Protein backbone atom coordinates (compact mmCIF):
# COMPACT_ATOMS: atom_id res chain seq x y z
CA MET A 1 -24.51 19.21 7.33
CA LYS A 2 -22.41 18.88 10.49
CA ILE A 3 -18.98 17.24 10.20
CA THR A 4 -20.09 14.31 12.43
CA GLN A 5 -23.05 13.63 10.15
CA TYR A 6 -20.80 13.89 7.07
CA PHE A 7 -18.35 11.42 8.63
CA LEU A 8 -21.10 8.89 9.34
CA LEU A 9 -22.64 9.30 5.87
CA PHE A 10 -19.25 8.95 4.16
CA THR A 11 -18.36 5.86 6.20
CA LEU A 12 -21.71 4.21 5.53
CA CYS A 13 -21.31 4.89 1.79
CA LEU A 14 -17.88 3.29 1.81
CA LEU A 15 -19.11 0.26 3.70
CA SER A 16 -22.04 -0.11 1.33
CA LEU A 17 -19.92 0.24 -1.81
CA ASN A 18 -17.06 -1.96 -0.67
CA ALA A 19 -18.49 -4.54 1.73
CA ALA A 20 -17.95 -7.31 -0.84
CA ALA A 21 -14.38 -6.28 -1.75
CA LYS A 22 -12.14 -9.33 -1.75
CA LEU A 23 -8.39 -9.61 -2.14
CA LEU A 24 -7.44 -10.95 -5.58
CA GLU A 25 -4.42 -12.96 -6.70
CA SER A 26 -2.23 -11.93 -9.64
CA ARG A 27 1.12 -13.69 -10.02
CA VAL A 28 2.90 -10.95 -11.93
CA PRO A 29 5.54 -8.36 -10.95
CA GLY A 30 3.72 -5.95 -8.65
CA GLY A 31 1.02 -8.50 -7.92
CA ILE A 32 0.19 -10.99 -5.18
CA ALA A 33 0.56 -14.77 -4.93
CA PHE A 34 -1.61 -16.97 -2.71
CA ILE A 35 0.29 -20.02 -1.50
CA GLN A 36 -1.83 -22.65 0.25
CA LEU A 37 -0.35 -24.05 3.46
CA ASP A 38 -1.10 -27.11 5.60
CA ASN A 39 -3.43 -26.13 8.44
CA THR A 40 -2.95 -29.36 10.40
CA GLN A 41 0.73 -29.13 11.39
CA GLY A 42 0.74 -26.12 13.69
CA ALA A 43 1.10 -22.39 13.16
CA PRO A 44 2.90 -21.62 9.87
CA HIS A 45 5.95 -19.36 9.75
CA PHE A 46 7.07 -18.61 6.20
CA THR A 47 9.26 -16.06 4.43
CA PHE A 48 9.90 -14.85 0.88
CA LYS A 49 13.39 -13.56 0.15
CA ASN A 50 14.04 -13.60 3.92
CA LYS A 51 11.04 -11.38 4.71
CA PRO A 52 8.16 -12.69 6.86
CA LEU A 53 4.84 -13.28 5.13
CA LEU A 54 1.27 -12.47 6.05
CA ILE A 55 -0.67 -15.65 6.86
CA THR A 56 -4.47 -15.56 6.71
CA GLN A 57 -7.59 -17.63 6.04
CA GLN A 58 -9.40 -17.60 2.69
CA GLU A 59 -12.46 -19.78 2.13
CA GLY A 60 -11.44 -22.12 4.93
CA LYS A 61 -7.87 -22.49 3.68
CA THR A 62 -4.67 -21.25 5.29
CA ILE A 63 -2.64 -19.20 2.82
CA ALA A 64 0.51 -17.15 2.69
CA VAL A 65 -0.06 -13.81 0.94
CA VAL A 66 3.10 -12.95 -0.99
CA GLY A 67 3.81 -9.44 -2.28
CA LEU A 68 5.69 -9.58 -5.60
CA SER A 69 8.08 -6.75 -6.35
CA LEU A 70 7.83 -4.80 -9.59
CA SER A 71 11.48 -5.72 -10.19
CA LEU A 72 10.83 -9.48 -10.19
CA LYS A 73 11.66 -11.28 -13.42
CA PRO A 74 9.26 -13.92 -14.78
CA GLY A 75 10.16 -17.38 -13.54
CA GLU A 76 9.88 -19.83 -10.68
CA TYR A 77 10.19 -18.74 -7.04
CA PHE A 78 9.53 -20.28 -3.65
CA ILE A 79 8.58 -19.42 -0.09
CA SER A 80 10.17 -21.33 2.77
CA GLY A 81 9.38 -21.94 6.42
CA HIS A 82 8.14 -24.36 9.02
CA TYR A 83 5.06 -25.28 11.06
CA GLY A 84 4.81 -24.80 14.83
CA ASN A 85 8.05 -25.64 16.60
CA LYS A 86 9.20 -28.09 13.95
CA LYS A 87 12.63 -27.48 12.48
CA HIS A 88 11.94 -29.25 9.19
CA LEU A 89 12.23 -26.70 6.36
CA VAL A 90 9.33 -26.63 3.92
CA LYS A 91 9.47 -25.00 0.47
CA LYS A 92 6.45 -24.04 -1.65
CA PHE A 93 7.13 -23.21 -5.30
CA PHE A 94 5.15 -20.91 -7.60
CA LYS A 95 5.61 -19.16 -10.95
CA VAL A 96 5.52 -15.46 -11.80
CA LYS A 97 4.34 -14.39 -15.26
CA ASP A 98 5.43 -11.27 -17.15
CA LYS A 99 3.41 -8.06 -17.29
CA GLU A 100 3.99 -4.90 -19.32
CA TYR A 101 3.26 -1.52 -17.73
CA THR A 102 2.68 1.72 -19.61
CA THR A 103 4.72 4.95 -19.47
CA GLN A 104 3.36 8.32 -18.29
CA HIS A 105 4.89 11.72 -19.09
CA ILE A 106 4.25 14.43 -16.50
CA THR A 107 5.18 18.12 -16.44
CA ILE A 108 6.03 19.53 -13.01
CA LYS A 109 6.12 23.34 -12.73
CA ASP A 110 8.27 23.34 -9.58
CA LYS A 111 11.56 22.16 -11.07
CA ARG A 112 13.06 21.54 -7.63
CA LYS A 113 10.54 18.71 -7.21
CA VAL A 114 12.31 17.01 -10.15
CA ASN A 115 15.90 18.18 -9.59
CA PRO A 116 16.28 19.02 -5.89
CA ILE A 117 19.05 21.39 -4.81
CA LYS A 118 21.47 20.54 -1.96
CA GLN A 119 19.27 22.28 0.58
CA ASP A 120 16.39 20.02 -0.48
CA MET A 121 18.56 16.89 -0.28
CA ASP A 122 19.41 17.71 3.34
CA ARG A 123 15.71 17.25 3.99
CA ILE A 124 15.00 14.42 1.52
CA ILE A 125 17.65 11.94 2.74
CA PRO A 126 16.39 11.76 6.37
CA GLU A 127 12.82 11.54 5.07
CA GLN A 128 13.76 8.59 2.85
CA LYS A 129 15.16 6.76 5.88
CA ARG A 130 11.91 7.31 7.77
CA LYS A 131 9.88 6.03 4.83
CA LYS A 132 12.02 2.92 4.40
CA LYS A 133 11.70 2.12 8.10
CA ALA A 134 7.91 2.49 7.96
CA ALA A 135 7.62 0.32 4.83
CA LYS A 136 9.46 -2.53 6.63
CA PHE A 137 7.38 -2.40 9.84
CA TRP A 138 6.18 -5.77 11.12
CA ASP A 139 4.25 -7.26 13.98
CA ASN A 140 2.26 -10.45 14.28
CA SER A 141 -1.20 -8.92 14.73
CA THR A 142 -4.13 -10.30 12.72
CA ALA A 143 -4.66 -8.53 9.40
CA ASP A 144 -7.92 -7.84 7.56
CA VAL A 145 -7.05 -8.12 3.86
CA ASN A 146 -10.54 -7.27 2.56
CA PHE A 147 -10.23 -3.51 2.18
CA LEU A 148 -12.55 -0.58 1.78
CA THR A 149 -11.61 1.92 -0.92
CA PRO A 150 -10.20 4.98 0.94
CA ILE A 151 -12.08 7.45 -1.29
CA GLU A 152 -14.34 7.42 -4.32
CA GLY A 153 -12.77 9.25 -7.25
CA ILE A 154 -11.21 9.01 -10.69
CA MET A 155 -8.07 6.92 -11.08
CA THR A 156 -5.62 9.17 -12.91
CA GLY A 157 -2.39 7.20 -12.61
CA SER A 158 -2.22 3.45 -12.36
CA TYR A 159 0.21 1.38 -10.35
CA GLY A 160 3.39 0.29 -12.16
CA ARG A 161 3.48 3.03 -14.78
CA ARG A 162 6.94 4.24 -15.75
CA ARG A 163 7.07 7.91 -14.75
CA VAL A 164 8.85 10.56 -16.81
CA PHE A 165 8.98 13.95 -15.07
CA ASN A 166 9.94 16.89 -17.31
CA GLY A 167 11.56 14.44 -19.73
CA GLN A 168 13.53 12.60 -17.02
CA PRO A 169 12.77 8.89 -16.40
CA LYS A 170 12.04 8.13 -12.75
CA ARG A 171 11.05 5.05 -10.78
CA PRO A 172 7.75 3.28 -11.61
CA HIS A 173 4.65 4.50 -9.85
CA SER A 174 4.34 2.58 -6.58
CA GLY A 175 0.68 3.29 -5.90
CA MET A 176 -2.72 4.31 -7.21
CA ASP A 177 -3.61 7.96 -7.87
CA ILE A 178 -7.26 8.84 -7.23
CA ALA A 179 -8.38 12.33 -8.31
CA ALA A 180 -10.83 14.04 -5.99
CA ASP A 181 -11.62 17.54 -4.78
CA LYS A 182 -9.47 19.11 -2.10
CA GLY A 183 -10.93 18.40 1.32
CA VAL A 184 -12.62 15.08 0.48
CA PRO A 185 -12.34 12.77 3.55
CA ILE A 186 -10.05 9.74 3.34
CA ALA A 187 -11.02 6.55 5.19
CA SER A 188 -8.77 3.84 6.55
CA PRO A 189 -9.47 0.64 4.54
CA ALA A 190 -9.05 -1.59 7.61
CA ASP A 191 -8.20 -1.51 11.30
CA GLY A 192 -4.61 -0.52 11.97
CA THR A 193 -2.03 1.62 13.75
CA VAL A 194 -0.52 4.87 12.47
CA ILE A 195 3.26 4.25 12.30
CA GLU A 196 4.50 7.36 10.44
CA SER A 197 3.16 10.80 9.57
CA GLY A 198 4.40 14.23 8.57
CA ASP A 199 5.14 16.73 5.81
CA PHE A 200 7.57 15.21 3.26
CA PHE A 201 9.34 16.93 0.35
CA PHE A 202 7.98 14.77 -2.49
CA SER A 203 4.94 13.19 -0.81
CA GLY A 204 3.58 16.26 0.96
CA ASN A 205 1.42 15.46 3.98
CA LEU A 206 1.87 11.74 4.43
CA VAL A 207 0.44 8.94 6.62
CA TYR A 208 1.50 5.29 6.99
CA ILE A 209 -0.84 2.73 8.62
CA HIS A 210 0.16 -0.79 9.63
CA HIS A 211 -2.71 -3.31 9.44
CA GLY A 212 -0.87 -6.37 10.76
CA GLN A 213 1.86 -8.79 9.62
CA GLY A 214 3.61 -6.25 7.40
CA LEU A 215 0.48 -5.09 5.56
CA ILE A 216 1.07 -1.34 5.15
CA THR A 217 -0.96 1.44 3.54
CA LEU A 218 0.40 4.87 2.58
CA TYR A 219 -1.54 8.10 1.89
CA ALA A 220 0.26 11.03 0.25
CA HIS A 221 -0.40 14.67 -0.78
CA LEU A 222 -3.00 15.18 1.94
CA ASN A 223 -4.46 18.59 2.76
CA THR A 224 -5.02 17.77 6.43
CA ILE A 225 -3.92 14.87 8.64
CA ASP A 226 -6.44 13.90 11.31
CA VAL A 227 -4.42 11.19 13.08
CA LYS A 228 -1.02 10.98 14.76
CA VAL A 229 1.68 8.34 15.15
CA GLY A 230 0.56 5.66 17.61
CA ASP A 231 -3.17 6.13 17.00
CA LYS A 232 -5.30 3.00 16.61
CA VAL A 233 -7.70 3.49 13.69
CA LYS A 234 -10.83 1.57 12.78
CA LYS A 235 -12.01 0.41 9.37
CA GLY A 236 -13.78 3.36 7.73
CA GLN A 237 -12.36 5.96 10.15
CA ILE A 238 -11.40 9.29 8.56
CA ILE A 239 -7.61 9.80 8.72
CA GLY A 240 -7.31 13.03 6.70
CA THR A 241 -8.45 14.86 3.59
CA VAL A 242 -7.42 15.02 -0.07
CA GLY A 243 -4.94 17.75 -0.93
CA GLU A 244 -2.23 18.81 -3.39
CA THR A 245 0.88 18.97 -1.23
CA GLY A 246 4.33 17.78 -2.35
CA ARG A 247 5.08 16.90 -5.99
CA VAL A 248 1.67 17.11 -7.67
CA THR A 249 -0.13 18.58 -10.66
CA GLY A 250 -3.50 18.82 -8.90
CA PRO A 251 -5.52 17.55 -5.93
CA HIS A 252 -5.54 13.76 -5.57
CA LEU A 253 -4.76 10.90 -3.23
CA HIS A 254 -1.69 8.76 -3.82
CA TRP A 255 -2.50 5.42 -2.16
CA SER A 256 0.05 2.61 -1.82
CA VAL A 257 -0.24 -0.87 -0.32
CA GLY A 258 2.76 -2.83 0.94
CA LEU A 259 3.33 -6.51 1.70
CA ASN A 260 6.54 -8.15 2.97
CA GLY A 261 8.47 -4.94 2.36
CA THR A 262 7.39 -4.24 -1.23
CA TRP A 263 4.67 -2.07 -2.78
CA VAL A 264 2.01 -4.02 -4.69
CA ASP A 265 -0.99 -3.12 -6.86
CA PRO A 266 -3.74 -1.58 -4.64
CA ASP A 267 -6.37 -2.59 -7.21
CA LEU A 268 -6.07 -6.19 -6.01
CA PHE A 269 -7.22 -5.15 -2.52
CA ILE A 270 -10.44 -3.57 -3.75
CA GLY A 271 -11.51 -6.36 -6.09
CA ASN A 272 -10.09 -5.08 -9.39
CA ASP A 273 -7.73 -7.25 -11.46
């Protein structure tokens, strides 16, 4: 089968399997809160912890989509903002419930991927700055929050798990791991713009896509990258292939989704709670 035919078949399969995918709410650390806004007072402009929020329409209602950090403690929080050119400050309160995440122990054969040497750190520190900049990217373009799944595969590491590499506790897992064969095509879940790409020490071949209003997706450990920074991509377009580059134990896709500067559970974007 020619690559063009494979691309079309893969895209059609994704669209068929995921056409009904709908963004879900889960008011827990690492989840998403929907906050209904007044749609009669002008364009809403709201923030959470001083970061602008994605505003969209769901079932005829105007809502702010709030990404909740894994580090949030259970309790009451609020978003604040205004409508149109009005200066009157509006606050909308909501509660976050607790959620327990599991722990995963992983053995990495390349010990430098767990304890980098100075030479590695000279590379890692600039890469971290690039990643932080990409994760905070924002523009006011319209965002499609009803995603396609980038690949079909077996989820081998869930979002939020506490990671222990070679006996050393590390930060919680900020994305979803999907196991698939090397070379499997990866599709963009929605229209967007490629804002960062390259070969990174821990993440291997890496791509960031901005989908509008701070909605970011990240794809790590790729074998090949088929897009470049600045490219406009369409929903279902192939952006690269599954690989095992960077800190890995086998071929898989690490997929992260970001909102208002924090990584949230990708499951919520593909209809799984």
